[in-house]
Amino acid sequence: MSEIPKAYEPQAVEAKWYQFWLEQRCFVADPARVGPKRPAYAIVIPRPMSLAC
C-alpha cells in the first residue's frame, strides 16, 4: 500500500482531472437542461482581496 503524501501536490492530479472536466463539458452551460423542475441558477464568488490594499 502506498503512503499518502503529507502535503497536497496539485501537479500530480490536477492535469488529469482538468482534462476529464473538459471532456465531460463541465464548464459549458446547457440551456436545454433548464426547465420548470430544474431552474437556472448562478453561484456568485467574490473576487480575491488584493494584497496591495
Protein backbone atom coordinates (compact mmCIF):
# COMPACT_ATOMS: atom_id res chain seq x y z
CA MET A 1 0.00 0.00 0.00
CA SER A 2 1.40 3.41 -0.93
CA GLU A 3 1.76 6.17 1.63
CA ILE A 4 -0.44 9.26 1.41
CA PRO A 5 1.63 12.45 0.83
CA LYS A 6 1.81 14.82 3.80
CA ALA A 7 1.11 17.85 1.56
CA TYR A 8 -1.20 18.27 -1.43
CA GLU A 9 0.70 18.00 -4.71
CA PRO A 10 -1.56 19.58 -7.36
CA GLN A 11 0.74 18.80 -10.29
CA ALA A 12 0.23 15.10 -9.55
CA VAL A 13 -3.56 15.15 -10.03
CA GLU A 14 -4.97 18.38 -11.45
CA ALA A 15 -3.93 17.92 -15.09
CA LYS A 16 -5.79 14.58 -15.22
CA TRP A 17 -8.94 15.94 -13.63
CA TYR A 18 -8.96 19.19 -15.62
CA GLN A 19 -8.80 17.19 -18.86
CA PHE A 20 -11.66 14.98 -17.62
CA TRP A 21 -13.77 18.05 -16.76
CA LEU A 22 -13.15 19.48 -20.25
CA GLU A 23 -14.08 16.20 -21.94
CA GLN A 24 -17.26 15.95 -19.84
CA ARG A 25 -18.16 19.58 -20.71
CA CYS A 26 -18.34 20.52 -17.03
CA PHE A 27 -17.65 24.20 -17.83
CA VAL A 28 -20.33 24.52 -20.53
CA ALA A 29 -23.80 25.88 -19.81
CA ASP A 30 -26.62 23.94 -21.44
CA PRO A 31 -29.87 25.94 -21.71
CA ALA A 32 -31.73 22.79 -22.76
CA ARG A 33 -31.33 21.43 -19.22
CA VAL A 34 -33.26 24.36 -17.68
CA GLY A 35 -36.97 23.92 -17.12
CA PRO A 36 -39.79 24.23 -14.57
CA LYS A 37 -38.41 21.37 -12.46
CA ARG A 38 -34.80 22.47 -12.94
CA PRO A 39 -34.50 26.29 -12.79
CA ALA A 40 -31.36 28.12 -13.83
CA TYR A 41 -29.11 29.49 -11.10
CA ALA A 42 -25.74 31.15 -10.64
CA ILE A 43 -23.20 30.92 -7.85
CA VAL A 44 -21.52 34.26 -7.22
CA ILE A 45 -17.97 34.05 -5.91
CA PRO A 46 -16.39 37.27 -4.69
CA ARG A 47 -13.10 38.24 -6.27
CA PRO A 48 -9.98 37.69 -4.18
CA MET A 49 -8.82 40.53 -2.00
CA SER A 50 -5.86 42.35 -3.46
CA LEU A 51 -2.64 42.20 -1.48
CA ALA A 52 -2.00 45.83 -2.42
CA CYS A 53 -4.93 47.10 -0.31
